PDB file of N, CA and C in Angstrom:
ATOM      1  N   MET A   1    -103.826  13.560  57.185  1.00  0.00           N
ATOM      2  CA  MET A   1    -102.448  13.261  57.546  1.00  0.00           C
ATOM      3  C   MET A   1    -101.965  11.988  56.847  1.00  0.00           C
ATOM      4  N   ARG A   2    -102.717  10.916  56.936  1.00  0.00           N
ATOM      5  CA  ARG A   2    -102.309   9.652  56.308  1.00  0.00           C
ATOM      6  C   ARG A   2    -102.246   9.812  54.787  1.00  0.00           C
ATOM      7  N   LYS A   3    -103.167  10.538  54.216  1.00  0.00           N
ATOM      8  CA  LYS A   3    -103.180  10.741  52.773  1.00  0.00           C
ATOM      9  C   LYS A   3    -101.898  11.446  52.319  1.00  0.00           C
ATOM     10  N   ASN A   4    -101.456  12.451  53.047  1.00  0.00           N
ATOM     11  CA  ASN A   4    -100.217  13.149  52.702  1.00  0.00           C
ATOM     12  C   ASN A   4     -99.008  12.229  52.820  1.00  0.00           C
ATOM     13  N   PHE A   5     -99.010  11.378  53.837  1.00  0.00           N
ATOM     14  CA  PHE A   5     -97.914  10.433  54.040  1.00  0.00           C
ATOM     15  C   PHE A   5     -97.807   9.490  52.841  1.00  0.00           C
ATOM     16  N   LEU A   6     -98.942   8.925  52.408  1.00  0.00           N
ATOM     17  CA  LEU A   6     -98.931   8.010  51.267  1.00  0.00           C
ATOM     18  C   LEU A   6     -98.565   8.733  49.978  1.00  0.00           C
ATOM     19  N   ALA A   7     -99.015   9.964  49.827  1.00  0.00           N
ATOM     20  CA  ALA A   7     -98.659  10.733  48.629  1.00  0.00           C
ATOM     21  C   ALA A   7     -97.158  10.968  48.571  1.00  0.00           C
ATOM     22  N   ASN A   8     -96.557  11.225  49.711  1.00  0.00           N
ATOM     23  CA  ASN A   8     -95.104  11.424  49.731  1.00  0.00           C
ATOM     24  C   ASN A   8     -94.360  10.149  49.377  1.00  0.00           C
ATOM     25  N   ILE A   9     -94.858   9.013  49.805  1.00  0.00           N
ATOM     26  CA  ILE A   9     -94.177   7.747  49.517  1.00  0.00           C
ATOM     27  C   ILE A   9     -94.319   7.373  48.052  1.00  0.00           C
ATOM     28  N   PHE A  10     -95.525   7.400  47.539  1.00  0.00           N
ATOM     29  CA  PHE A  10     -95.767   6.852  46.206  1.00  0.00           C
ATOM     30  C   PHE A  10     -95.665   7.867  45.078  1.00  0.00           C
ATOM     31  N   GLY A  11     -95.926   9.119  45.327  1.00  0.00           N
ATOM     32  CA  GLY A  11     -95.904  10.046  44.215  1.00  0.00           C
ATOM     33  C   GLY A  11     -95.117  11.297  44.482  1.00  0.00           C
ATOM     34  N   GLY A  12     -94.518  11.380  45.637  1.00  0.00           N
ATOM     35  CA  GLY A  12     -93.863  12.618  46.015  1.00  0.00           C
ATOM     36  C   GLY A  12     -92.381  12.479  46.159  1.00  0.00           C
ATOM     37  N   GLN A  13     -91.914  12.743  47.358  1.00  0.00           N
ATOM     38  CA  GLN A  13     -90.499  12.912  47.603  1.00  0.00           C
ATOM     39  C   GLN A  13     -89.727  11.613  47.749  1.00  0.00           C
ATOM     40  N   VAL A  14     -90.338  10.569  48.252  1.00  0.00           N
ATOM     41  CA  VAL A  14     -89.588   9.359  48.601  1.00  0.00           C
ATOM     42  C   VAL A  14     -89.102   8.612  47.363  1.00  0.00           C
ATOM     43  N   ALA A  15     -89.951   8.453  46.361  1.00  0.00           N
ATOM     44  CA  ALA A  15     -89.551   7.696  45.169  1.00  0.00           C
ATOM     45  C   ALA A  15     -88.322   8.296  44.482  1.00  0.00           C
ATOM     46  N   PRO A  16     -88.261   9.615  44.243  1.00  0.00           N
ATOM     47  CA  PRO A  16     -87.043  10.164  43.632  1.00  0.00           C
ATOM     48  C   PRO A  16     -85.811  10.009  44.523  1.00  0.00           C
ATOM     49  N   GLN A  17     -85.988  10.097  45.830  1.00  0.00           N
ATOM     50  CA  GLN A  17     -84.848   9.932  46.743  1.00  0.00           C
ATOM     51  C   GLN A  17     -84.303   8.514  46.670  1.00  0.00           C
ATOM     52  N   ILE A  18     -85.200   7.537  46.602  1.00  0.00           N
ATOM     53  CA  ILE A  18     -84.767   6.143  46.515  1.00  0.00           C
ATOM     54  C   ILE A  18     -84.066   5.899  45.178  1.00  0.00           C
ATOM     55  N   ALA A  19     -84.611   6.445  44.098  1.00  0.00           N
ATOM     56  CA  ALA A  19     -83.983   6.290  42.783  1.00  0.00           C
ATOM     57  C   ALA A  19     -82.594   6.919  42.776  1.00  0.00           C
ATOM     58  N   ARG A  20     -82.455   8.090  43.375  1.00  0.00           N
ATOM     59  CA  ARG A  20     -81.156   8.767  43.438  1.00  0.00           C
ATOM     60  C   ARG A  20     -80.177   7.939  44.262  1.00  0.00           C
ATOM     61  N   GLN A  21     -80.649   7.442  45.391  1.00  0.00           N
ATOM     62  CA  GLN A  21     -79.790   6.633  46.253  1.00  0.00           C
ATOM     63  C   GLN A  21     -79.325   5.373  45.518  1.00  0.00           C
ATOM     64  N   ASN A  22     -80.226   4.716  44.810  1.00  0.00           N
ATOM     65  CA  ASN A  22     -79.853   3.513  44.063  1.00  0.00           C
ATOM     66  C   ASN A  22     -78.860   3.825  42.955  1.00  0.00           C
ATOM     67  N   ALA A  23     -79.041   4.947  42.274  1.00  0.00           N
ATOM     68  CA  ALA A  23     -78.116   5.336  41.207  1.00  0.00           C
ATOM     69  C   ALA A  23     -76.726   5.619  41.770  1.00  0.00           C
ATOM     70  N   ILE A  24     -76.672   6.315  42.895  1.00  0.00           N
ATOM     71  CA  ILE A  24     -75.383   6.625  43.529  1.00  0.00           C
ATOM     72  C   ILE A  24     -74.687   5.342  43.945  1.00  0.00           C
ATOM     73  N   ARG A  25     -75.418   4.459  44.611  1.00  0.00           N
ATOM     74  CA  ARG A  25     -74.808   3.216  45.100  1.00  0.00           C
ATOM     75  C   ARG A  25     -74.353   2.318  43.944  1.00  0.00           C
ATOM     76  N   SER A  26     -75.103   2.306  42.848  1.00  0.00           N
ATOM     77  CA  SER A  26     -74.724   1.511  41.690  1.00  0.00           C
ATOM     78  C   SER A  26     -73.421   2.037  41.071  1.00  0.00           C
ATOM     79  N   GLU A  27     -73.348   3.343  40.881  1.00  0.00           N
ATOM     80  CA  GLU A  27     -72.129   3.923  40.311  1.00  0.00           C
ATOM     81  C   GLU A  27     -70.948   3.762  41.263  1.00  0.00           C
ATOM     82  N   LEU A  28     -71.208   3.870  42.558  1.00  0.00           N
ATOM     83  CA  LEU A  28     -70.161   3.688  43.561  1.00  0.00           C
ATOM     84  C   LEU A  28     -69.601   2.264  43.486  1.00  0.00           C
ATOM     85  N   TYR A  29     -70.480   1.286  43.368  1.00  0.00           N
ATOM     86  CA  TYR A  29     -70.055  -0.116  43.259  1.00  0.00           C
ATOM     87  C   TYR A  29     -69.229  -0.329  41.984  1.00  0.00           C
ATOM     88  N   GLN A  30     -69.707   0.191  40.853  1.00  0.00           N
ATOM     89  CA  GLN A  30     -69.005   0.011  39.584  1.00  0.00           C
ATOM     90  C   GLN A  30     -67.629   0.685  39.610  1.00  0.00           C
ATOM     91  N   THR A  31     -67.559   1.867  40.184  1.00  0.00           N
ATOM     92  CA  THR A  31     -66.286   2.591  40.264  1.00  0.00           C
ATOM     93  C   THR A  31     -65.309   1.850  41.157  1.00  0.00           C
ATOM     94  N   ARG A  32     -65.809   1.358  42.282  1.00  0.00           N
ATOM     95  CA  ARG A  32     -64.947   0.597  43.190  1.00  0.00           C
ATOM     96  C   ARG A  32     -64.417  -0.658  42.512  1.00  0.00           C
ATOM     97  N   LYS A  33     -65.248  -1.314  41.715  1.00  0.00           N
ATOM     98  CA  LYS A  33     -64.838  -2.531  41.007  1.00  0.00           C
ATOM     99  C   LYS A  33     -63.713  -2.220  40.023  1.00  0.00           C
ATOM    100  N   VAL A  34     -63.810  -1.108  39.305  1.00  0.00           N
ATOM    101  CA  VAL A  34     -62.757  -0.714  38.356  1.00  0.00           C
ATOM    102  C   VAL A  34     -61.446  -0.481  39.108  1.00  0.00           C
ATOM    103  N   ILE A  35     -61.528   0.189  40.248  1.00  0.00           N
ATOM    104  CA  ILE A  35     -60.330   0.458  41.052  1.00  0.00           C
ATOM    105  C   ILE A  35     -59.711  -0.850  41.530  1.00  0.00           C
ATOM    106  N   GLU A  36     -60.536  -1.731  42.077  1.00  0.00           N
ATOM    107  CA  GLU A  36     -60.024  -3.015  42.578  1.00  0.00           C
ATOM    108  C   GLU A  36     -59.411  -3.853  41.460  1.00  0.00           C
ATOM    109  N   ASP A  37     -60.062  -3.855  40.289  1.00  0.00           N
ATOM    110  CA  ASP A  37     -59.520  -4.616  39.159  1.00  0.00           C
ATOM    111  C   ASP A  37     -58.154  -4.075  38.725  1.00  0.00           C
ATOM    112  N   GLY A  38     -58.027  -2.755  38.691  1.00  0.00           N
ATOM    113  CA  GLY A  38     -56.746  -2.155  38.313  1.00  0.00           C
ATOM    114  C   GLY A  38     -55.647  -2.464  39.313  1.00  0.00           C
ATOM    115  N   LEU A  39     -55.996  -2.428  40.596  1.00  0.00           N
ATOM    116  CA  LEU A  39     -54.999  -2.707  41.635  1.00  0.00           C
ATOM    117  C   LEU A  39     -54.593  -4.174  41.678  1.00  0.00           C
ATOM    118  N   SER A  40     -55.436  -5.044  41.147  1.00  0.00           N
ATOM    119  CA  SER A  40     -55.120  -6.475  41.197  1.00  0.00           C
ATOM    120  C   SER A  40     -54.213  -6.934  40.049  1.00  0.00           C
ATOM    121  N   LYS A  41     -53.944  -6.048  39.088  1.00  0.00           N
ATOM    122  CA  LYS A  41     -53.089  -6.423  37.966  1.00  0.00           C
ATOM    123  C   LYS A  41     -51.644  -6.562  38.449  1.00  0.00           C
ATOM    124  N   PRO A  42     -51.006  -7.683  38.108  1.00  0.00           N
ATOM    125  CA  PRO A  42     -49.663  -7.942  38.641  1.00  0.00           C
ATOM    126  C   PRO A  42     -48.526  -7.259  37.887  1.00  0.00           C
ATOM    127  N   LEU A  43     -48.803  -6.765  36.678  1.00  0.00           N
ATOM    128  CA  LEU A  43     -47.724  -6.217  35.847  1.00  0.00           C
ATOM    129  C   LEU A  43     -47.945  -4.747  35.523  1.00  0.00           C
ATOM    130  N   ALA A  44     -46.849  -4.021  35.407  1.00  0.00           N
ATOM    131  CA  ALA A  44     -46.888  -2.651  34.879  1.00  0.00           C
ATOM    132  C   ALA A  44     -47.021  -2.745  33.364  1.00  0.00           C
ATOM    133  N   SER A  45     -47.287  -1.637  32.718  1.00  0.00           N
ATOM    134  CA  SER A  45     -47.439  -1.651  31.260  1.00  0.00           C
ATOM    135  C   SER A  45     -46.142  -2.029  30.546  1.00  0.00           C
ATOM    136  N   THR A  46     -45.034  -1.910  31.239  1.00  0.00           N
ATOM    137  CA  THR A  46     -43.740  -2.296  30.662  1.00  0.00           C
ATOM    138  C   THR A  46     -43.505  -3.800  30.725  1.00  0.00           C
ATOM    139  N   GLY A  47     -44.383  -4.496  31.458  1.00  0.00           N
ATOM    140  CA  GLY A  47     -44.218  -5.936  31.641  1.00  0.00           C
ATOM    141  C   GLY A  47     -43.494  -6.294  32.931  1.00  0.00           C
ATOM    142  N   THR A  48     -43.006  -5.292  33.631  1.00  0.00           N
ATOM    143  CA  THR A  48     -42.320  -5.519  34.901  1.00  0.00           C
ATOM    144  C   THR A  48     -43.343  -5.840  35.986  1.00  0.00           C
ATOM    145  N   PRO A  49     -43.089  -6.867  36.778  1.00  0.00           N
ATOM    146  CA  PRO A  49     -44.005  -7.138  37.891  1.00  0.00           C
ATOM    147  C   PRO A  49     -44.049  -5.951  38.859  1.00  0.00           C
ATOM    148  N   ILE A  50     -45.234  -5.575  39.260  1.00  0.00           N
ATOM    149  CA  ILE A  50     -45.405  -4.447  40.188  1.00  0.00           C
ATOM    150  C   ILE A  50     -44.621  -4.713  41.475  1.00  0.00           C
ATOM    151  N   SER A  51     -44.587  -5.956  41.883  1.00  0.00           N
ATOM    152  CA  SER A  51     -43.891  -6.302  43.137  1.00  0.00           C
ATOM    153  C   SER A  51     -42.400  -6.009  43.078  1.00  0.00           C
ATOM    154  N   GLU A  52     -41.834  -5.890  41.886  1.00  0.00           N
ATOM    155  CA  GLU A  52     -40.405  -5.594  41.741  1.00  0.00           C
ATOM    156  C   GLU A  52     -40.129  -4.098  41.663  1.00  0.00           C
ATOM    157  N   LEU A  53     -41.166  -3.287  41.556  1.00  0.00           N
ATOM    158  CA  LEU A  53     -40.987  -1.840  41.487  1.00  0.00           C
ATOM    159  C   LEU A  53     -41.004  -1.239  42.885  1.00  0.00           C
ATOM    160  N   ASN A  54     -40.371  -0.084  43.022  1.00  0.00           N
ATOM    161  CA  ASN A  54     -40.318   0.601  44.311  1.00  0.00           C
ATOM    162  C   ASN A  54     -40.686   2.071  44.146  1.00  0.00           C
ATOM    163  N   GLY A  55     -41.132   2.662  45.245  1.00  0.00           N
ATOM    164  CA  GLY A  55     -41.351   4.095  45.303  1.00  0.00           C
ATOM    165  C   GLY A  55     -42.362   4.606  44.289  1.00  0.00           C
ATOM    166  N   MET A  56     -41.987   5.716  43.673  1.00  0.00           N
ATOM    167  CA  MET A  56     -42.897   6.389  42.756  1.00  0.00           C
ATOM    168  C   MET A  56     -43.172   5.553  41.510  1.00  0.00           C
ATOM    169  N   ALA A  57     -42.204   4.766  41.070  1.00  0.00           N
ATOM    170  CA  ALA A  57     -42.419   3.913  39.901  1.00  0.00           C
ATOM    171  C   ALA A  57     -43.551   2.924  40.171  1.00  0.00           C
ATOM    172  N   ARG A  58     -43.560   2.369  41.357  1.00  0.00           N
ATOM    173  CA  ARG A  58     -44.622   1.429  41.744  1.00  0.00           C
ATOM    174  C   ARG A  58     -45.972   2.148  41.829  1.00  0.00           C
ATOM    175  N   THR A  59     -45.968   3.308  42.463  1.00  0.00           N
ATOM    176  CA  THR A  59     -47.204   4.082  42.612  1.00  0.00           C
ATOM    177  C   THR A  59     -47.789   4.444  41.258  1.00  0.00           C
ATOM    178  N   LEU A  60     -46.955   4.954  40.370  1.00  0.00           N
ATOM    179  CA  LEU A  60     -47.441   5.376  39.059  1.00  0.00           C
ATOM    180  C   LEU A  60     -47.881   4.192  38.203  1.00  0.00           C
ATOM    181  N   ALA A  61     -47.189   3.071  38.318  1.00  0.00           N
ATOM    182  CA  ALA A  61     -47.600   1.876  37.575  1.00  0.00           C
ATOM    183  C   ALA A  61     -48.967   1.391  38.054  1.00  0.00           C
ATOM    184  N   MET A  62     -49.172   1.420  39.361  1.00  0.00           N
ATOM    185  CA  MET A  62     -50.465   0.996  39.908  1.00  0.00           C
ATOM    186  C   MET A  62     -51.569   1.965  39.495  1.00  0.00           C
ATOM    187  N   LYS A  63     -51.268   3.258  39.527  1.00  0.00           N
ATOM    188  CA  LYS A  63     -52.260   4.252  39.115  1.00  0.00           C
ATOM    189  C   LYS A  63     -52.580   4.109  37.622  1.00  0.00           C
ATOM    190  N   ALA A  64     -51.573   3.852  36.812  1.00  0.00           N
ATOM    191  CA  ALA A  64     -51.816   3.650  35.387  1.00  0.00           C
ATOM    192  C   ALA A  64     -52.700   2.425  35.164  1.00  0.00           C
ATOM    193  N   ASN A  65     -52.466   1.368  35.920  1.00  0.00           N
ATOM    194  CA  ASN A  65     -53.310   0.174  35.806  1.00  0.00           C
ATOM    195  C   ASN A  65     -54.756   0.482  36.171  1.00  0.00           C
ATOM    196  N   VAL A  66     -54.961   1.247  37.225  1.00  0.00           N
ATOM    197  CA  VAL A  66     -56.317   1.630  37.612  1.00  0.00           C
ATOM    198  C   VAL A  66     -56.949   2.479  36.516  1.00  0.00           C
ATOM    199  N   GLY A  67     -56.147   3.300  35.859  1.00  0.00           N
ATOM    200  CA  GLY A  67     -56.638   4.151  34.779  1.00  0.00           C
ATOM    201  C   GLY A  67     -56.820   3.435  33.454  1.00  0.00           C
ATOM    202  N   GLY A  68     -56.662   2.124  33.448  1.00  0.00           N
ATOM    203  CA  GLY A  68     -56.885   1.351  32.223  1.00  0.00           C
ATOM    204  C   GLY A  68     -55.622   1.026  31.463  1.00  0.00           C
ATOM    205  N   GLY A  69     -54.483   1.289  32.055  1.00  0.00           N
ATOM    206  CA  GLY A  69     -53.204   1.041  31.396  1.00  0.00           C
ATOM    207  C   GLY A  69     -52.539   2.351  31.026  1.00  0.00           C
ATOM    208  N   SER A  70     -51.303   2.260  30.622  1.00  0.00           N
ATOM    209  CA  SER A  70     -50.568   3.480  30.263  1.00  0.00           C
ATOM    210  C   SER A  70     -51.170   4.117  29.012  1.00  0.00           C
ATOM    211  N   VAL A  71     -50.924   5.404  28.852  1.00  0.00           N
ATOM    212  CA  VAL A  71     -51.402   6.117  27.659  1.00  0.00           C
ATOM    213  C   VAL A  71     -50.757   5.510  26.416  1.00  0.00           C
ATOM    214  N   ALA A  72     -49.493   5.142  26.526  1.00  0.00           N
ATOM    215  CA  ALA A  72     -48.772   4.554  25.382  1.00  0.00           C
ATOM    216  C   ALA A  72     -49.397   3.230  24.938  1.00  0.00           C
ATOM    217  N   SER A  73     -50.012   2.512  25.874  1.00  0.00           N
ATOM    218  CA  SER A  73     -50.632   1.232  25.516  1.00  0.00           C
ATOM    219  C   SER A  73     -52.125   1.385  25.205  1.00  0.00           C
ATOM    220  N   GLY A  74     -52.605   2.622  25.173  1.00  0.00           N
ATOM    221  CA  GLY A  74     -53.997   2.870  24.800  1.00  0.00           C
ATOM    222  C   GLY A  74     -54.947   3.079  25.965  1.00  0.00           C
ATOM    223  N   GLY A  75     -54.408   3.105  27.177  1.00  0.00           N
ATOM    224  CA  GLY A  75     -55.247   3.342  28.348  1.00  0.00           C
ATOM    225  C   GLY A  75     -55.317   4.812  28.709  1.00  0.00           C
ATOM    226  N   GLY A  76     -55.932   5.086  29.825  1.00  0.00           N
ATOM    227  CA  GLY A  76     -56.068   6.472  30.268  1.00  0.00           C
ATOM    228  C   GLY A  76     -54.938   6.943  31.148  1.00  0.00           C
ATOM    229  N   GLY A  77     -54.121   6.008  31.614  1.00  0.00           N
ATOM    230  CA  GLY A  77     -52.966   6.352  32.420  1.00  0.00           C
ATOM    231  C   GLY A  77     -53.299   6.917  33.794  1.00  0.00           C
ATOM    232  N   VAL A  78     -52.331   7.610  34.353  1.00  0.00           N
ATOM    233  CA  VAL A  78     -52.442   8.173  35.700  1.00  0.00           C
ATOM    234  C   VAL A  78     -53.565   9.210  35.763  1.00  0.00           C
ATOM    235  N   ARG A  79     -53.718   9.978  34.714  1.00  0.00           N
ATOM    236  CA  ARG A  79     -54.762  11.009  34.702  1.00  0.00           C
ATOM    237  C   ARG A  79     -56.152  10.384  34.842  1.00  0.00           C
ATOM    238  N   ALA A  80     -56.386   9.303  34.121  1.00  0.00           N
ATOM    239  CA  ALA A  80     -57.682   8.623  34.215  1.00  0.00           C
ATOM    240  C   ALA A  80     -57.890   8.065  35.618  1.00  0.00           C
ATOM    241  N   CYS A  81     -56.830   7.574  36.232  1.00  0.00           N
ATOM    242  CA  CYS A  81     -56.918   7.092  37.612  1.00  0.00           C
ATOM    243  C   CYS A  81     -57.295   8.232  38.546  1.00  0.00           C
ATOM    244  N   ASP A  82     -56.641   9.371  38.393  1.00  0.00           N
ATOM    245  CA  ASP A  82     -56.945  10.515  39.250  1.00  0.00           C
ATOM    246  C   ASP A  82     -58.406  10.945  39.100  1.00  0.00           C
ATOM    247  N   GLU A  83     -58.898  10.953  37.870  1.00  0.00           N
ATOM    248  CA  GLU A  83     -60.297  11.316  37.636  1.00  0.00           C
ATOM    249  C   GLU A  83     -61.244  10.293  38.255  1.00  0.00           C
ATOM    250  N   LEU A  84     -60.878   9.024  38.156  1.00  0.00           N
ATOM    251  CA  LEU A  84     -61.687   7.960  38.735  1.00  0.00           C
ATOM    252  C   LEU A  84     -61.726   8.061  40.258  1.00  0.00           C
ATOM    253  N   LEU A  85     -60.571   8.330  40.863  1.00  0.00           N
ATOM    254  CA  LEU A  85     -60.520   8.479  42.319  1.00  0.00           C
ATOM    255  C   LEU A  85     -61.290   9.715  42.783  1.00  0.00           C
ATOM    256  N   ASP A  86     -61.219  10.792  42.009  1.00  0.00           N
ATOM    257  CA  ASP A  86     -62.013  11.984  42.320  1.00  0.00           C
ATOM    258  C   ASP A  86     -63.497  11.654  42.290  1.00  0.00           C
ATOM    259  N   ARG A  87     -63.923  10.955  41.249  1.00  0.00           N
ATOM    260  CA  ARG A  87     -65.338  10.598  41.123  1.00  0.00           C
ATOM    261  C   ARG A  87     -65.762   9.684  42.274  1.00  0.00           C
ATOM    262  N   TYR A  88     -64.898   8.747  42.630  1.00  0.00           N
ATOM    263  CA  TYR A  88     -65.214   7.830  43.729  1.00  0.00           C
ATOM    264  C   TYR A  88     -65.421   8.609  45.031  1.00  0.00           C
ATOM    265  N   SER A  89     -64.553   9.565  45.301  1.00  0.00           N
ATOM    266  CA  SER A  89     -64.700  10.342  46.534  1.00  0.00           C
ATOM    267  C   SER A  89     -65.962  11.202  46.489  1.00  0.00           C
ATOM    268  N   GLN A  90     -66.319  11.718  45.316  1.00  0.00           N
ATOM    269  CA  GLN A  90     -67.574  12.462  45.180  1.00  0.00           C
ATOM    270  C   GLN A  90     -68.770  11.563  45.474  1.00  0.00           C
ATOM    271  N   LEU A  91     -68.737  10.348  44.950  1.00  0.00           N
ATOM    272  CA  LEU A  91     -69.847   9.418  45.162  1.00  0.00           C
ATOM    273  C   LEU A  91     -69.981   9.030  46.627  1.00  0.00           C
ATOM    274  N   VAL A  92     -68.858   8.837  47.297  1.00  0.00           N
ATOM    275  CA  VAL A  92     -68.908   8.527  48.731  1.00  0.00           C
ATOM    276  C   VAL A  92     -69.571   9.678  49.482  1.00  0.00           C
ATOM    277  N   GLY A  93     -69.176  10.909  49.151  1.00  0.00           N
ATOM    278  CA  GLY A  93     -69.791  12.075  49.787  1.00  0.00           C
ATOM    279  C   GLY A  93     -71.270  12.179  49.483  1.00  0.00           C
ATOM    280  N   MET A  94     -71.649  11.914  48.226  1.00  0.00           N
ATOM    281  CA  MET A  94     -73.056  11.974  47.857  1.00  0.00           C
ATOM    282  C   MET A  94     -73.864  10.902  48.586  1.00  0.00           C
ATOM    283  N   ALA A  95     -73.293   9.714  48.722  1.00  0.00           N
ATOM    284  CA  ALA A  95     -73.997   8.633  49.424  1.00  0.00           C
ATOM    285  C   ALA A  95     -74.194   8.998  50.887  1.00  0.00           C
ATOM    286  N   LYS A  96     -73.171   9.567  51.509  1.00  0.00           N
ATOM    287  CA  LYS A  96     -73.282   9.972  52.909  1.00  0.00           C
ATOM    288  C   LYS A  96     -74.300  11.092  53.075  1.00  0.00           C
ATOM    289  N   GLU A  97     -74.276  12.063  52.158  1.00  0.00           N
ATOM    290  CA  GLU A  97     -75.235  13.160  52.224  1.00  0.00           C
ATOM    291  C   GLU A  97     -76.658  12.648  52.036  1.00  0.00           C
ATOM    292  N   ASN A  98     -76.829  11.719  51.098  1.00  0.00           N
ATOM    293  CA  ASN A  98     -78.151  11.153  50.843  1.00  0.00           C
ATOM    294  C   ASN A  98     -78.650  10.385  52.068  1.00  0.00           C
ATOM    295  N   ASP A  99     -77.763   9.620  52.711  1.00  0.00           N
ATOM    296  CA  ASP A  99     -78.135   8.904  53.936  1.00  0.00           C
ATOM    297  C   ASP A  99     -78.541   9.881  55.022  1.00  0.00           C
ATOM    298  N   TRP A 100     -77.801  10.972  55.144  1.00  0.00           N
ATOM    299  CA  TRP A 100     -78.107  11.988  56.156  1.00  0.00           C
ATOM    300  C   TRP A 100     -79.464  12.617  55.884  1.00  0.00           C
ATOM    301  N   GLN A 101     -79.735  12.937  54.608  1.00  0.00           N
ATOM    302  CA  GLN A 101     -81.023  13.534  54.256  1.00  0.00           C
ATOM    303  C   GLN A 101     -82.172  12.564  54.526  1.00  0.00           C
ATOM    304  N   ASN A 102     -81.958  11.277  54.247  1.00  0.00           N
ATOM    305  CA  ASN A 102     -82.999  10.282  54.514  1.00  0.00           C
ATOM    306  C   ASN A 102     -83.286  10.186  56.011  1.00  0.00           C
ATOM    307  N   LYS A 103     -82.253  10.229  56.826  1.00  0.00           N
ATOM    308  CA  LYS A 103     -82.455  10.189  58.274  1.00  0.00           C
ATOM    309  C   LYS A 103     -83.193  11.434  58.749  1.00  0.00           C
ATOM    310  N   LEU A 104     -82.828  12.576  58.204  1.00  0.00           N
ATOM    311  CA  LEU A 104     -83.487  13.816  58.568  1.00  0.00           C
ATOM    312  C   LEU A 104     -84.957  13.782  58.171  1.00  0.00           C
ATOM    313  N   ASN A 105     -85.233  13.333  56.951  1.00  0.00           N
ATOM    314  CA  ASN A 105     -86.615  13.270  56.464  1.00  0.00           C
ATOM    315  C   ASN A 105     -87.439  12.230  57.207  1.00  0.00           C
ATOM    316  N   SER A 106     -86.814  11.131  57.615  1.00  0.00           N
ATOM    317  CA  SER A 106     -87.567  10.098  58.314  1.00  0.00           C
ATOM    318  C   SER A 106     -88.014  10.589  59.695  1.00  0.00           C
ATOM    319  N   GLY A 107     -87.334  11.544  60.257  1.00  0.00           N
ATOM    320  CA  GLY A 107     -87.725  12.113  61.550  1.00  0.00           C
ATOM    321  C   GLY A 107     -88.914  13.036  61.440  1.00  0.00           C
ATOM    322  N   ARG A 108     -89.223  13.495  60.238  1.00  0.00           N
ATOM    323  CA  ARG A 108     -90.332  14.427  60.015  1.00  0.00           C
ATOM    324  C   ARG A 108     -91.674  13.717  59.847  1.00  0.00           C
ATOM    325  N   ARG A 109     -91.656  12.430  59.585  1.00  0.00           N
ATOM    326  CA  ARG A 109     -92.896  11.712  59.316  1.00  0.00           C
ATOM    327  C   ARG A 109     -93.685  11.439  60.542  1.00  0.00           C
TER     328      ARG A 109
END
């Protein structure tokens, strides 16, 4: 019994799970940082302060900033923001699923 437990920790299932969890959390942190950096930019690509924009213009300017700037200025624009937000939500789901699997597996030991 003890031998199987140690084999699972050092050469079996636990090491890949920990590596996967670390990779997910690292990418989640990096993605969140990109989003926060984009949202902290005070200007739209036109040079207009975001605080002076209203409604959809403000939303799209903020999304373009998160996406690396407008397409016209060489960034990824709103589309890149949407892809980034999609990836972020996938990573959150993967992290939650991984946590759930770890809790389930820890009950089996």
